C-alpha atoms as a PDB file:
ATOM      1  CA  MET A   1     188.346 134.436 134.791  1.00  0.00           C
ATOM      2  CA  ASN A   2     185.422 132.058 134.581  1.00  0.00           C
ATOM      3  CA  THR A   3     185.709 128.639 136.148  1.00  0.00           C
ATOM      4  CA  TYR A   4     183.546 125.898 134.743  1.00  0.00           C
ATOM      5  CA  PHE A   5     182.473 122.596 136.225  1.00  0.00           C
ATOM      6  CA  ALA A   6     181.251 120.152 133.560  1.00  0.00           C
ATOM      7  CA  GLY A   7     181.056 123.013 131.083  1.00  0.00           C
ATOM      8  CA  VAL A   8     178.612 125.069 133.174  1.00  0.00           C
ATOM      9  CA  PRO A   9     179.574 128.423 134.733  1.00  0.00           C
ATOM     10  CA  ILE A  10     178.297 127.619 138.217  1.00  0.00           C
ATOM     11  CA  SER A  11     178.494 131.104 139.724  1.00  0.00           C
ATOM     12  CA  GLY A  12     176.958 132.995 136.840  1.00  0.00           C
ATOM     13  CA  ASN A  13     174.091 130.628 136.095  1.00  0.00           C
ATOM     14  CA  PHE A  14     173.047 129.654 139.604  1.00  0.00           C
ATOM     15  CA  GLY A  15     174.126 132.589 141.761  1.00  0.00           C
ATOM     16  CA  SER A  16     176.517 130.458 143.770  1.00  0.00           C
ATOM     17  CA  ASP A  17     179.748 131.656 145.338  1.00  0.00           C
ATOM     18  CA  VAL A  18     181.311 128.273 144.629  1.00  0.00           C
ATOM     19  CA  GLY A  19     183.366 128.007 141.468  1.00  0.00           C
ATOM     20  CA  GLY A  20     185.029 131.389 141.329  1.00  0.00           C
ATOM     21  CA  ALA A  21     183.319 132.789 138.236  1.00  0.00           C
ATOM     22  CA  SER A  22     181.978 135.940 139.879  1.00  0.00           C
ATOM     23  CA  GLY A  23     185.235 137.039 141.463  1.00  0.00           C
ATOM     24  CA  SER A  24     184.931 134.601 144.365  1.00  0.00           C
ATOM     25  CA  THR A  25     187.543 131.922 144.862  1.00  0.00           C
ATOM     26  CA  ARG A  26     185.469 129.753 147.185  1.00  0.00           C
ATOM     27  CA  TRP A  27     186.178 126.044 146.622  1.00  0.00           C
ATOM     28  CA  LEU A  28     184.649 123.016 148.258  1.00  0.00           C
ATOM     29  CA  GLY A  29     186.601 121.729 151.235  1.00  0.00           C
ATOM     30  CA  THR A  30     186.572 118.977 153.859  1.00  0.00           C
ATOM     31  CA  SER A  31     183.582 120.401 155.740  1.00  0.00           C
ATOM     32  CA  ASP A  32     181.596 120.503 152.519  1.00  0.00           C
ATOM     33  CA  LEU A  33     182.386 116.830 151.928  1.00  0.00           C
ATOM     34  CA  LEU A  34     181.429 115.928 155.523  1.00  0.00           C
ATOM     35  CA  SER A  35     178.172 117.829 155.134  1.00  0.00           C
ATOM     36  CA  LEU A  36     177.385 115.945 151.950  1.00  0.00           C
ATOM     37  CA  PHE A  37     178.102 112.589 153.599  1.00  0.00           C
ATOM     38  CA  MET A  38     176.101 113.498 156.696  1.00  0.00           C
ATOM     39  CA  ASN A  39     173.043 114.623 154.730  1.00  0.00           C
ATOM     40  CA  THR A  40     173.216 111.589 152.463  1.00  0.00           C
ATOM     41  CA  GLY A  41     173.648 109.302 155.476  1.00  0.00           C
ATOM     42  CA  ILE A  42     170.566 110.745 157.146  1.00  0.00           C
ATOM     43  CA  LEU A  43     168.561 110.267 153.951  1.00  0.00           C
ATOM     44  CA  VAL A  44     169.724 106.639 153.592  1.00  0.00           C
ATOM     45  CA  ALA A  45     169.004 105.982 157.297  1.00  0.00           C
ATOM     46  CA  GLY A  46     165.482 107.354 156.839  1.00  0.00           C
ATOM     47  CA  ILE A  47     164.844 105.105 153.839  1.00  0.00           C
ATOM     48  CA  ILE A  48     166.157 102.069 155.747  1.00  0.00           C
ATOM     49  CA  LEU A  49     163.955 103.002 158.715  1.00  0.00           C
ATOM     50  CA  VAL A  50     160.824 103.096 156.555  1.00  0.00           C
ATOM     51  CA  VAL A  51     161.692  99.750 154.886  1.00  0.00           C
ATOM     52  CA  LEU A  52     162.356  98.081 158.237  1.00  0.00           C
ATOM     53  CA  LEU A  53     159.174  99.475 159.796  1.00  0.00           C
ATOM     54  CA  VAL A  54     157.040  98.314 156.901  1.00  0.00           C
ATOM     55  CA  GLY A  55     158.824  94.947 156.683  1.00  0.00           C
ATOM     56  CA  GLY A  56     158.705  94.344 160.417  1.00  0.00           C
ATOM     57  CA  GLY A  57     155.013  95.305 160.536  1.00  0.00           C
ATOM     58  CA  MET A  58     154.241  92.936 157.668  1.00  0.00           C
ATOM     59  CA  LYS A  59     156.179  90.148 159.422  1.00  0.00           C
ATOM     60  CA  ILE A  60     154.174  90.709 162.620  1.00  0.00           C
ATOM     61  CA  ILE A  61     150.887  90.663 160.732  1.00  0.00           C
ATOM     62  CA  GLN A  62     151.805  87.519 158.798  1.00  0.00           C
ATOM     63  CA  GLY A  63     153.095  85.760 161.928  1.00  0.00           C
ATOM     64  CA  ALA A  64     149.966  86.640 163.884  1.00  0.00           C
ATOM     65  CA  GLY A  65     147.704  85.544 161.020  1.00  0.00           C
ATOM     66  CA  ASN A  66     149.429  82.161 160.687  1.00  0.00           C
ATOM     67  CA  GLY A  67     149.828  81.650 164.421  1.00  0.00           C
ATOM     68  CA  ASP A  68     153.636  81.653 164.026  1.00  0.00           C
ATOM     69  CA  ALA A  69     155.120  83.076 167.220  1.00  0.00           C
ATOM     70  CA  LYS A  70     158.668  82.959 165.786  1.00  0.00           C
ATOM     71  CA  ALA A  71     157.756  85.174 162.800  1.00  0.00           C
ATOM     72  CA  THR A  72     155.950  87.606 165.109  1.00  0.00           C
ATOM     73  CA  ALA A  73     159.024  87.828 167.349  1.00  0.00           C
ATOM     74  CA  GLN A  74     161.248  88.437 164.297  1.00  0.00           C
ATOM     75  CA  GLY A  75     158.961  91.282 163.203  1.00  0.00           C
ATOM     76  CA  GLN A  76     159.061  92.798 166.677  1.00  0.00           C
ATOM     77  CA  GLN A  77     162.838  92.538 166.693  1.00  0.00           C
ATOM     78  CA  ALA A  78     163.029  94.289 163.315  1.00  0.00           C
ATOM     79  CA  LEU A  79     160.827  97.100 164.613  1.00  0.00           C
ATOM     80  CA  THR A  80     162.896  97.429 167.786  1.00  0.00           C
ATOM     81  CA  TRP A  81     166.235  97.643 165.963  1.00  0.00           C
ATOM     82  CA  ALA A  82     164.789 100.062 163.389  1.00  0.00           C
ATOM     83  CA  LEU A  83     163.748 102.405 166.189  1.00  0.00           C
ATOM     84  CA  VAL A  84     167.111 102.003 167.985  1.00  0.00           C
ATOM     85  CA  GLY A  85     168.941 102.860 164.750  1.00  0.00           C
ATOM     86  CA  PHE A  86     166.705 105.867 164.243  1.00  0.00           C
ATOM     87  CA  LEU A  87     167.434 107.100 167.769  1.00  0.00           C
ATOM     88  CA  VAL A  88     171.192 106.706 167.225  1.00  0.00           C
ATOM     89  CA  VAL A  89     171.042 108.745 164.004  1.00  0.00           C
ATOM     90  CA  PHE A  90     168.734 111.327 165.576  1.00  0.00           C
ATOM     91  CA  PHE A  91     170.888 111.916 168.639  1.00  0.00           C
ATOM     92  CA  ALA A  92     174.113 111.916 166.599  1.00  0.00           C
ATOM     93  CA  TYR A  93     172.702 114.615 164.308  1.00  0.00           C
ATOM     94  CA  TRP A  94     171.477 116.783 167.173  1.00  0.00           C
ATOM     95  CA  GLY A  95     174.727 116.260 169.053  1.00  0.00           C
ATOM     96  CA  ILE A  96     176.591 117.729 166.096  1.00  0.00           C
ATOM     97  CA  ARG A  97     174.094 120.583 165.821  1.00  0.00           C
ATOM     98  CA  ILE A  98     174.482 121.422 169.523  1.00  0.00           C
ATOM     99  CA  VAL A  99     178.271 121.487 169.210  1.00  0.00           C
ATOM    100  CA  GLU A 100     177.922 123.803 166.202  1.00  0.00           C
ATOM    101  CA  MET A 101     175.540 126.096 168.079  1.00  0.00           C
ATOM    102  CA  VAL A 102     177.846 126.270 171.102  1.00  0.00           C
ATOM    103  CA  LEU A 103     180.893 127.014 168.934  1.00  0.00           C
ATOM    104  CA  GLY A 104     178.918 129.372 166.693  1.00  0.00           C
ATOM    105  CA  VAL A 105     180.023 127.784 163.422  1.00  0.00           C
ATOM    106  CA  ASP A 106     178.437 125.646 160.723  1.00  0.00           C
ATOM    107  CA  PHE A 107     181.338 123.365 159.968  1.00  0.00           C
ATOM    108  CA  VAL A 108     179.341 120.256 159.088  1.00  0.00           C
ATOM    109  CA  THR A 109     175.635 120.919 158.533  1.00  0.00           C
ATOM    110  CA  ASN A 110     175.749 124.098 156.399  1.00  0.00           C
ATOM    111  CA  PRO A 111     179.360 125.042 155.568  1.00  0.00           C
ATOM    112  CA  LEU A 112     178.468 127.021 152.410  1.00  0.00           C
ATOM    113  CA  ASN A 113     176.361 129.502 154.383  1.00  0.00           C
ATOM    114  CA  PRO A 114     178.520 132.659 154.719  1.00  0.00           C
END
């Protein structure tokens, strides 16, 4: 029995065990959803980090060029909080990875890996 998602036989066309078309009955579960959210969250956090670093740097340069100490301080604050946010995301990710390594399972970062 072939199972189709959006009219495409996933298993047959892409060599995936998800979808059940090649005799497998593997379906996406909670850990797959958590993995998707975690990977997307890390991507979004990285984009926000770059925007804040560039924006904060521009604010510092503009404040220093105009002699505006308040704008320079706002730029430094943006850079500081961007780096704090990056460290929070970084340590949260590696905390999850360490728990997975200790337990010997990939329940969040790579649940589709057999």
